[in-house]
Amino acid sequence: MVPMPPFRTIQLLRESSPTISVGLLTADLLHLGSEISLLERTGVRVVHVDVMDGCFVPSMTVGPPWIKALKGPLLKDVHLMVQDPIGKVADYVAGGADLITVHVEAGQHIHRVLQALGSMVNANDPARGLIRGIALNPGTHLGALEPLLEEVEMVVLLAVNPGWGGQSFIPSTFARIEKVRRLLQEQKREVLLGVDGGVTRTNIPEIAAAGADIIVTGSAVFDGKAPEENARFMLDTLRRSRNPA
């Protein structure tokens, strides 16, 4: 495998936008190395890891050692669904997160969490930079974003309520994407916009058209049948949205 040349993560993501971040917890975890190699062959550049603590959301998943164990050139997009992340984010950065997202609802001092992340460096390569993301649940008012925009490189809108599987994409998310896009333009912020939850092969063109830069998808790729075909389909769909005929 040819190693990826030096890059700035934020620039790579902007140039790739819109693109997908593929959730690994829906992969075959007994053959995770093979599953990651499969994604590399398709041209996927970002893998997504949902970290749940059983407090902020009812489920529990993985922690920093799992993040550290992920090897290879793909960017690690770590979504922390954990309560009070202030004392926890450093371990995920040390584990090799390239993107790390916390929830605005996860504690009283989220601005401080983002400031702390701003002083940390990417453990894979300090020159890459570390992408700080802020996530909002579907029921959270978008006004919560404004005081945080100076401290983030990415906003993530959840299109489902976190912590429960099998949910469908919430249609009102499209209006929220539009409002956040308008806010970023008004504030003159070059911030990436992510959408997470309920993404399928059917609705991904509409999500991209609405203005999402990074679209998180898990079971729509790792469906137990044709993950490589699914990943290629989604990437090809997004390429066509960048370069319409």
C-alpha atoms as a PDB file:
ATOM      1  CA  MET A   1       0.000   0.000   0.000  1.00  0.00           C
ATOM      2  CA  VAL A   2       1.366   3.429  -0.948  1.00  0.00           C
ATOM      3  CA  PRO A   3       1.496   5.679   2.133  1.00  0.00           C
ATOM      4  CA  MET A   4      -0.577   8.831   2.064  1.00  0.00           C
ATOM      5  CA  PRO A   5       1.562  11.953   1.509  1.00  0.00           C
ATOM      6  CA  PRO A   6       1.692  14.661   4.182  1.00  0.00           C
ATOM      7  CA  PHE A   7      -1.543  16.645   4.437  1.00  0.00           C
ATOM      8  CA  ARG A   8      -3.586  18.997   6.585  1.00  0.00           C
ATOM      9  CA  THR A   9      -6.722  17.175   7.685  1.00  0.00           C
ATOM     10  CA  ILE A  10      -9.004  20.177   7.292  1.00  0.00           C
ATOM     11  CA  GLN A  11      -7.785  20.839   3.758  1.00  0.00           C
ATOM     12  CA  LEU A  12      -8.121  17.199   2.754  1.00  0.00           C
ATOM     13  CA  LEU A  13     -11.709  17.104   4.005  1.00  0.00           C
ATOM     14  CA  ARG A  14     -12.635  20.337   2.265  1.00  0.00           C
ATOM     15  CA  GLU A  15     -11.206  19.086  -1.007  1.00  0.00           C
ATOM     16  CA  SER A  16     -13.044  15.754  -0.620  1.00  0.00           C
ATOM     17  CA  SER A  17     -16.391  17.284   0.325  1.00  0.00           C
ATOM     18  CA  PRO A  18     -18.984  15.923   0.218  1.00  0.00           C
ATOM     19  CA  THR A  19     -17.693  12.587   1.426  1.00  0.00           C
ATOM     20  CA  ILE A  20     -18.624   9.760   3.769  1.00  0.00           C
ATOM     21  CA  SER A  21     -17.353   8.767   7.178  1.00  0.00           C
ATOM     22  CA  VAL A  22     -18.059   5.054   7.564  1.00  0.00           C
ATOM     23  CA  GLY A  23     -19.123   3.730  10.946  1.00  0.00           C
ATOM     24  CA  LEU A  24     -17.025   0.754  12.025  1.00  0.00           C
ATOM     25  CA  LEU A  25     -19.267  -0.622  14.754  1.00  0.00           C
ATOM     26  CA  THR A  26     -21.568  -2.044  12.092  1.00  0.00           C
ATOM     27  CA  ALA A  27     -18.662  -3.905  10.456  1.00  0.00           C
ATOM     28  CA  ASP A  28     -17.711  -7.525  11.140  1.00  0.00           C
ATOM     29  CA  LEU A  29     -15.620  -6.840  14.224  1.00  0.00           C
ATOM     30  CA  LEU A  30     -14.060 -10.307  14.158  1.00  0.00           C
ATOM     31  CA  HIS A  31     -12.512  -9.364  10.813  1.00  0.00           C
ATOM     32  CA  LEU A  32     -12.077  -5.656  11.338  1.00  0.00           C
ATOM     33  CA  GLY A  33      -8.703  -5.446   9.617  1.00  0.00           C
ATOM     34  CA  SER A  34     -10.182  -6.947   6.458  1.00  0.00           C
ATOM     35  CA  GLU A  35     -13.180  -4.626   6.676  1.00  0.00           C
ATOM     36  CA  ILE A  36     -10.908  -1.572   6.900  1.00  0.00           C
ATOM     37  CA  SER A  37      -8.815  -2.814   3.958  1.00  0.00           C
ATOM     38  CA  LEU A  38     -12.047  -3.143   1.989  1.00  0.00           C
ATOM     39  CA  LEU A  39     -12.847   0.519   2.670  1.00  0.00           C
ATOM     40  CA  GLU A  40      -9.359   1.575   1.627  1.00  0.00           C
ATOM     41  CA  ARG A  41      -9.851  -0.143  -1.753  1.00  0.00           C
ATOM     42  CA  THR A  42     -13.010   1.857  -2.414  1.00  0.00           C
ATOM     43  CA  GLY A  43     -11.413   5.242  -1.821  1.00  0.00           C
ATOM     44  CA  VAL A  44     -13.034   5.902   1.562  1.00  0.00           C
ATOM     45  CA  ARG A  45     -10.815   8.242   3.564  1.00  0.00           C
ATOM     46  CA  VAL A  46     -12.599   8.513   6.905  1.00  0.00           C
ATOM     47  CA  VAL A  47     -13.829   5.914   9.396  1.00  0.00           C
ATOM     48  CA  HIS A  48     -16.254   6.780  12.164  1.00  0.00           C
ATOM     49  CA  VAL A  49     -16.293   5.384  15.696  1.00  0.00           C
ATOM     50  CA  ASP A  50     -19.276   5.909  17.999  1.00  0.00           C
ATOM     51  CA  VAL A  51     -18.076   6.005  21.594  1.00  0.00           C
ATOM     52  CA  MET A  52     -20.964   5.524  24.043  1.00  0.00           C
ATOM     53  CA  ASP A  53     -20.630   5.446  27.816  1.00  0.00           C
ATOM     54  CA  GLY A  54     -23.988   4.076  28.996  1.00  0.00           C
ATOM     55  CA  CYS A  55     -24.699   7.434  30.686  1.00  0.00           C
ATOM     56  CA  PHE A  56     -25.152  10.060  28.011  1.00  0.00           C
ATOM     57  CA  VAL A  57     -26.825   7.351  25.931  1.00  0.00           C
ATOM     58  CA  PRO A  58     -28.055   3.952  27.148  1.00  0.00           C
ATOM     59  CA  SER A  59     -25.619   1.863  25.107  1.00  0.00           C
ATOM     60  CA  MET A  60     -21.934   1.197  25.785  1.00  0.00           C
ATOM     61  CA  THR A  61     -19.398   0.643  23.024  1.00  0.00           C
ATOM     62  CA  VAL A  62     -15.631   1.194  22.949  1.00  0.00           C
ATOM     63  CA  GLY A  63     -12.899   3.308  24.507  1.00  0.00           C
ATOM     64  CA  PRO A  64      -9.434   4.754  23.817  1.00  0.00           C
ATOM     65  CA  PRO A  65      -7.607   1.381  23.430  1.00  0.00           C
ATOM     66  CA  TRP A  66      -9.975   0.460  20.602  1.00  0.00           C
ATOM     67  CA  ILE A  67      -9.248   3.746  18.832  1.00  0.00           C
ATOM     68  CA  LYS A  68      -5.509   3.213  19.264  1.00  0.00           C
ATOM     69  CA  ALA A  69      -5.763  -0.296  17.810  1.00  0.00           C
ATOM     70  CA  LEU A  70      -7.121   1.011  14.491  1.00  0.00           C
ATOM     71  CA  LYS A  71      -4.168   0.989  12.117  1.00  0.00           C
ATOM     72  CA  GLY A  72      -3.782   2.310   8.600  1.00  0.00           C
ATOM     73  CA  PRO A  73      -4.013   5.543   6.623  1.00  0.00           C
ATOM     74  CA  LEU A  74      -7.724   6.245   7.109  1.00  0.00           C
ATOM     75  CA  LEU A  75      -8.676   9.250   9.211  1.00  0.00           C
ATOM     76  CA  LYS A  76     -10.234   8.381  12.565  1.00  0.00           C
ATOM     77  CA  ASP A  77     -13.477  10.265  13.178  1.00  0.00           C
ATOM     78  CA  VAL A  78     -14.331   9.770  16.860  1.00  0.00           C
ATOM     79  CA  HIS A  79     -17.840  10.709  18.007  1.00  0.00           C
ATOM     80  CA  LEU A  80     -17.963  10.968  21.799  1.00  0.00           C
ATOM     81  CA  MET A  81     -21.440  10.305  23.152  1.00  0.00           C
ATOM     82  CA  VAL A  82     -20.194  10.518  26.725  1.00  0.00           C
ATOM     83  CA  GLN A  83     -21.187  12.542  29.754  1.00  0.00           C
ATOM     84  CA  ASP A  84     -18.838  15.316  30.916  1.00  0.00           C
ATOM     85  CA  PRO A  85     -16.057  14.734  28.360  1.00  0.00           C
ATOM     86  CA  ILE A  86     -13.624  17.280  29.829  1.00  0.00           C
ATOM     87  CA  GLY A  87     -11.491  14.625  31.548  1.00  0.00           C
ATOM     88  CA  LYS A  88     -11.745  12.092  28.746  1.00  0.00           C
ATOM     89  CA  VAL A  89     -10.919  13.770  25.445  1.00  0.00           C
ATOM     90  CA  ALA A  90      -7.138  13.670  25.941  1.00  0.00           C
ATOM     91  CA  ASP A  91      -7.124   9.859  25.946  1.00  0.00           C
ATOM     92  CA  TYR A  92      -8.930   9.732  22.602  1.00  0.00           C
ATOM     93  CA  VAL A  93      -6.561  12.268  21.091  1.00  0.00           C
ATOM     94  CA  ALA A  94      -3.625  10.215  22.380  1.00  0.00           C
ATOM     95  CA  GLY A  95      -5.273   7.162  20.794  1.00  0.00           C
ATOM     96  CA  GLY A  96      -5.002   8.755  17.380  1.00  0.00           C
ATOM     97  CA  ALA A  97      -8.266  10.584  16.715  1.00  0.00           C
ATOM     98  CA  ASP A  98      -8.025  12.926  13.726  1.00  0.00           C
ATOM     99  CA  LEU A  99     -11.535  14.273  14.215  1.00  0.00           C
ATOM    100  CA  ILE A 100     -13.114  14.329  17.655  1.00  0.00           C
ATOM    101  CA  THR A 101     -16.687  15.417  18.256  1.00  0.00           C
ATOM    102  CA  VAL A 102     -18.383  16.165  21.571  1.00  0.00           C
ATOM    103  CA  HIS A 103     -22.037  16.939  22.220  1.00  0.00           C
ATOM    104  CA  VAL A 104     -23.274  20.354  23.242  1.00  0.00           C
ATOM    105  CA  GLU A 105     -25.689  18.527  25.571  1.00  0.00           C
ATOM    106  CA  ALA A 106     -22.981  16.439  27.273  1.00  0.00           C
ATOM    107  CA  GLY A 107     -21.945  18.832  30.025  1.00  0.00           C
ATOM    108  CA  GLN A 108     -21.982  22.331  31.457  1.00  0.00           C
ATOM    109  CA  HIS A 109     -18.540  23.321  30.194  1.00  0.00           C
ATOM    110  CA  ILE A 110     -18.457  22.280  26.545  1.00  0.00           C
ATOM    111  CA  HIS A 111     -16.749  25.525  25.527  1.00  0.00           C
ATOM    112  CA  ARG A 112     -13.918  24.612  27.895  1.00  0.00           C
ATOM    113  CA  VAL A 113     -13.734  21.107  26.362  1.00  0.00           C
ATOM    114  CA  LEU A 114     -13.311  22.629  22.910  1.00  0.00           C
ATOM    115  CA  GLN A 115     -10.657  25.029  24.201  1.00  0.00           C
ATOM    116  CA  ALA A 116      -8.760  22.099  25.716  1.00  0.00           C
ATOM    117  CA  LEU A 117      -8.923  20.221  22.407  1.00  0.00           C
ATOM    118  CA  GLY A 118      -7.540  23.319  20.691  1.00  0.00           C
ATOM    119  CA  SER A 119      -4.342  22.995  22.739  1.00  0.00           C
ATOM    120  CA  MET A 120      -3.808  19.322  21.810  1.00  0.00           C
ATOM    121  CA  VAL A 121      -1.946  17.931  18.813  1.00  0.00           C
ATOM    122  CA  ASN A 122      -2.672  15.081  16.466  1.00  0.00           C
ATOM    123  CA  ALA A 123      -0.895  11.986  17.788  1.00  0.00           C
ATOM    124  CA  ASN A 124      -0.525  10.528  14.287  1.00  0.00           C
ATOM    125  CA  ASP A 125       1.244  13.617  12.927  1.00  0.00           C
ATOM    126  CA  PRO A 126       1.161  17.042  14.623  1.00  0.00           C
ATOM    127  CA  ALA A 127       1.262  18.720  11.210  1.00  0.00           C
ATOM    128  CA  ARG A 128      -2.134  17.234  10.294  1.00  0.00           C
ATOM    129  CA  GLY A 129      -4.031  19.266  12.861  1.00  0.00           C
ATOM    130  CA  LEU A 130      -6.932  18.063  14.968  1.00  0.00           C
ATOM    131  CA  ILE A 131     -10.522  18.649  13.863  1.00  0.00           C
ATOM    132  CA  ARG A 132     -12.802  19.688  16.723  1.00  0.00           C
ATOM    133  CA  GLY A 133     -16.480  18.957  16.187  1.00  0.00           C
ATOM    134  CA  ILE A 134     -19.606  19.908  18.089  1.00  0.00           C
ATOM    135  CA  ALA A 135     -22.689  17.695  17.729  1.00  0.00           C
ATOM    136  CA  LEU A 136     -26.313  18.616  18.307  1.00  0.00           C
ATOM    137  CA  ASN A 137     -29.177  16.230  18.951  1.00  0.00           C
ATOM    138  CA  PRO A 138     -32.346  16.660  16.854  1.00  0.00           C
ATOM    139  CA  GLY A 139     -34.190  18.473  19.659  1.00  0.00           C
ATOM    140  CA  THR A 140     -31.394  20.935  20.518  1.00  0.00           C
ATOM    141  CA  HIS A 141     -31.895  24.558  19.505  1.00  0.00           C
ATOM    142  CA  LEU A 142     -29.419  25.690  16.874  1.00  0.00           C
ATOM    143  CA  GLY A 143     -28.772  28.856  18.868  1.00  0.00           C
ATOM    144  CA  ALA A 144     -26.481  26.752  21.060  1.00  0.00           C
ATOM    145  CA  LEU A 145     -23.942  26.826  18.229  1.00  0.00           C
ATOM    146  CA  GLU A 146     -23.221  30.547  18.078  1.00  0.00           C
ATOM    147  CA  PRO A 147     -20.997  30.858  21.183  1.00  0.00           C
ATOM    148  CA  LEU A 148     -18.979  27.819  20.073  1.00  0.00           C
ATOM    149  CA  LEU A 149     -18.205  28.540  16.440  1.00  0.00           C
ATOM    150  CA  GLU A 150     -14.831  30.139  17.160  1.00  0.00           C
ATOM    151  CA  GLU A 151     -13.700  26.894  18.797  1.00  0.00           C
ATOM    152  CA  VAL A 152     -14.734  24.315  16.191  1.00  0.00           C
ATOM    153  CA  GLU A 153     -13.814  23.153  12.714  1.00  0.00           C
ATOM    154  CA  MET A 154     -16.928  20.985  12.296  1.00  0.00           C
ATOM    155  CA  VAL A 155     -20.606  21.014  13.243  1.00  0.00           C
ATOM    156  CA  VAL A 156     -22.447  17.675  13.252  1.00  0.00           C
ATOM    157  CA  LEU A 157     -26.246  17.537  13.104  1.00  0.00           C
ATOM    158  CA  LEU A 158     -27.738  14.284  14.313  1.00  0.00           C
ATOM    159  CA  ALA A 159     -30.617  13.132  12.147  1.00  0.00           C
ATOM    160  CA  VAL A 160     -31.698  10.535  14.723  1.00  0.00           C
ATOM    161  CA  ASN A 161     -31.735  10.495  18.511  1.00  0.00           C
ATOM    162  CA  PRO A 162     -28.430   9.005  19.678  1.00  0.00           C
ATOM    163  CA  GLY A 163     -28.126   5.639  21.346  1.00  0.00           C
ATOM    164  CA  TRP A 164     -30.876   3.648  19.635  1.00  0.00           C
ATOM    165  CA  GLY A 165     -30.525   1.631  16.430  1.00  0.00           C
ATOM    166  CA  GLY A 166     -32.997   1.214  13.604  1.00  0.00           C
ATOM    167  CA  GLN A 167     -34.174   4.831  13.433  1.00  0.00           C
ATOM    168  CA  SER A 168     -35.117   6.605  10.226  1.00  0.00           C
ATOM    169  CA  PHE A 169     -33.692   9.929   9.093  1.00  0.00           C
ATOM    170  CA  ILE A 170     -35.690  12.792  10.647  1.00  0.00           C
ATOM    171  CA  PRO A 171     -36.955  14.966   7.737  1.00  0.00           C
ATOM    172  CA  SER A 172     -36.697  18.233   9.706  1.00  0.00           C
ATOM    173  CA  THR A 173     -32.916  17.756   9.551  1.00  0.00           C
ATOM    174  CA  PHE A 174     -32.952  19.275   6.068  1.00  0.00           C
ATOM    175  CA  ALA A 175     -34.244  22.594   7.425  1.00  0.00           C
ATOM    176  CA  ARG A 176     -31.611  22.457  10.172  1.00  0.00           C
ATOM    177  CA  ILE A 177     -28.848  21.933   7.594  1.00  0.00           C
ATOM    178  CA  GLU A 178     -30.067  24.999   5.708  1.00  0.00           C
ATOM    179  CA  LYS A 179     -30.163  27.109   8.873  1.00  0.00           C
ATOM    180  CA  VAL A 180     -26.665  26.075   9.938  1.00  0.00           C
ATOM    181  CA  ARG A 181     -25.321  26.772   6.449  1.00  0.00           C
ATOM    182  CA  ARG A 182     -26.854  30.255   6.621  1.00  0.00           C
ATOM    183  CA  LEU A 183     -25.399  30.839  10.098  1.00  0.00           C
ATOM    184  CA  LEU A 184     -21.908  29.815   8.981  1.00  0.00           C
ATOM    185  CA  GLN A 185     -22.131  32.157   5.995  1.00  0.00           C
ATOM    186  CA  GLU A 186     -23.321  35.042   8.165  1.00  0.00           C
ATOM    187  CA  GLN A 187     -20.521  34.415  10.658  1.00  0.00           C
ATOM    188  CA  LYS A 188     -17.998  33.927   7.835  1.00  0.00           C
ATOM    189  CA  ARG A 189     -16.881  30.615   9.329  1.00  0.00           C
ATOM    190  CA  GLU A 190     -15.290  27.956   7.131  1.00  0.00           C
ATOM    191  CA  VAL A 191     -16.633  25.139   9.265  1.00  0.00           C
ATOM    192  CA  LEU A 192     -17.369  21.650   7.953  1.00  0.00           C
ATOM    193  CA  LEU A 193     -20.964  20.482   8.291  1.00  0.00           C
ATOM    194  CA  GLY A 194     -21.611  16.835   9.120  1.00  0.00           C
ATOM    195  CA  VAL A 195     -24.836  14.833   9.213  1.00  0.00           C
ATOM    196  CA  ASP A 196     -25.098  11.614  11.214  1.00  0.00           C
ATOM    197  CA  GLY A 197     -27.903   9.067  11.449  1.00  0.00           C
ATOM    198  CA  GLY A 198     -30.419   7.361   9.211  1.00  0.00           C
ATOM    199  CA  VAL A 199     -28.306   7.687   6.064  1.00  0.00           C
ATOM    200  CA  THR A 200     -29.157   5.226   3.282  1.00  0.00           C
ATOM    201  CA  ARG A 201     -28.261   4.625  -0.338  1.00  0.00           C
ATOM    202  CA  THR A 202     -31.605   6.228  -1.183  1.00  0.00           C
ATOM    203  CA  ASN A 203     -31.373   9.488   0.736  1.00  0.00           C
ATOM    204  CA  ILE A 204     -27.657  10.263   0.510  1.00  0.00           C
ATOM    205  CA  PRO A 205     -28.036  12.326  -2.724  1.00  0.00           C
ATOM    206  CA  GLU A 206     -30.592  14.590  -1.039  1.00  0.00           C
ATOM    207  CA  ILE A 207     -28.442  14.970   2.067  1.00  0.00           C
ATOM    208  CA  ALA A 208     -25.448  15.985  -0.044  1.00  0.00           C
ATOM    209  CA  ALA A 209     -27.589  18.396  -2.078  1.00  0.00           C
ATOM    210  CA  ALA A 210     -28.750  20.022   1.151  1.00  0.00           C
ATOM    211  CA  GLY A 211     -25.152  21.041   1.892  1.00  0.00           C
ATOM    212  CA  ALA A 212     -23.570  18.368   4.068  1.00  0.00           C
ATOM    213  CA  ASP A 213     -19.786  18.028   3.783  1.00  0.00           C
ATOM    214  CA  ILE A 214     -19.323  14.808   5.784  1.00  0.00           C
ATOM    215  CA  ILE A 215     -22.072  12.202   5.844  1.00  0.00           C
ATOM    216  CA  VAL A 216     -21.807   9.467   8.456  1.00  0.00           C
ATOM    217  CA  THR A 217     -23.097   6.094   7.354  1.00  0.00           C
ATOM    218  CA  GLY A 218     -22.748   2.697   8.977  1.00  0.00           C
ATOM    219  CA  SER A 219     -25.205  -0.098   8.256  1.00  0.00           C
ATOM    220  CA  ALA A 220     -25.893   1.273   4.780  1.00  0.00           C
ATOM    221  CA  VAL A 221     -22.306   0.240   3.961  1.00  0.00           C
ATOM    222  CA  PHE A 222     -21.783  -2.718   6.281  1.00  0.00           C
ATOM    223  CA  ASP A 223     -25.096  -4.424   5.562  1.00  0.00           C
ATOM    224  CA  GLY A 224     -23.715  -7.964   5.702  1.00  0.00           C
ATOM    225  CA  LYS A 225     -24.140  -8.370   1.960  1.00  0.00           C
ATOM    226  CA  ALA A 226     -22.149  -6.019  -0.269  1.00  0.00           C
ATOM    227  CA  PRO A 227     -20.154  -3.478   1.781  1.00  0.00           C
ATOM    228  CA  GLU A 228     -17.618  -2.743  -0.936  1.00  0.00           C
ATOM    229  CA  GLU A 229     -20.337  -2.166  -3.513  1.00  0.00           C
ATOM    230  CA  ASN A 230     -22.258   0.024  -1.059  1.00  0.00           C
ATOM    231  CA  ALA A 231     -19.244   2.185  -0.267  1.00  0.00           C
ATOM    232  CA  ARG A 232     -18.402   2.639  -3.939  1.00  0.00           C
ATOM    233  CA  PHE A 233     -22.021   3.498  -4.724  1.00  0.00           C
ATOM    234  CA  MET A 234     -22.101   6.204  -2.076  1.00  0.00           C
ATOM    235  CA  LEU A 235     -18.756   7.699  -3.070  1.00  0.00           C
ATOM    236  CA  ASP A 236     -19.743   7.701  -6.747  1.00  0.00           C
ATOM    237  CA  THR A 237     -23.054   9.348  -5.866  1.00  0.00           C
ATOM    238  CA  LEU A 238     -21.246  12.104  -3.984  1.00  0.00           C
ATOM    239  CA  ARG A 239     -18.715  12.594  -6.778  1.00  0.00           C
ATOM    240  CA  ARG A 240     -21.591  13.132  -9.206  1.00  0.00           C
ATOM    241  CA  SER A 241     -23.055  15.705  -6.850  1.00  0.00           C
ATOM    242  CA  ARG A 242     -19.735  17.598  -6.946  1.00  0.00           C
ATOM    243  CA  ASN A 243     -19.449  17.348 -10.718  1.00  0.00           C
ATOM    244  CA  PRO A 244     -22.964  17.163 -12.181  1.00  0.00           C
ATOM    245  CA  ALA A 245     -23.173  16.382 -15.898  1.00  0.00           C
END
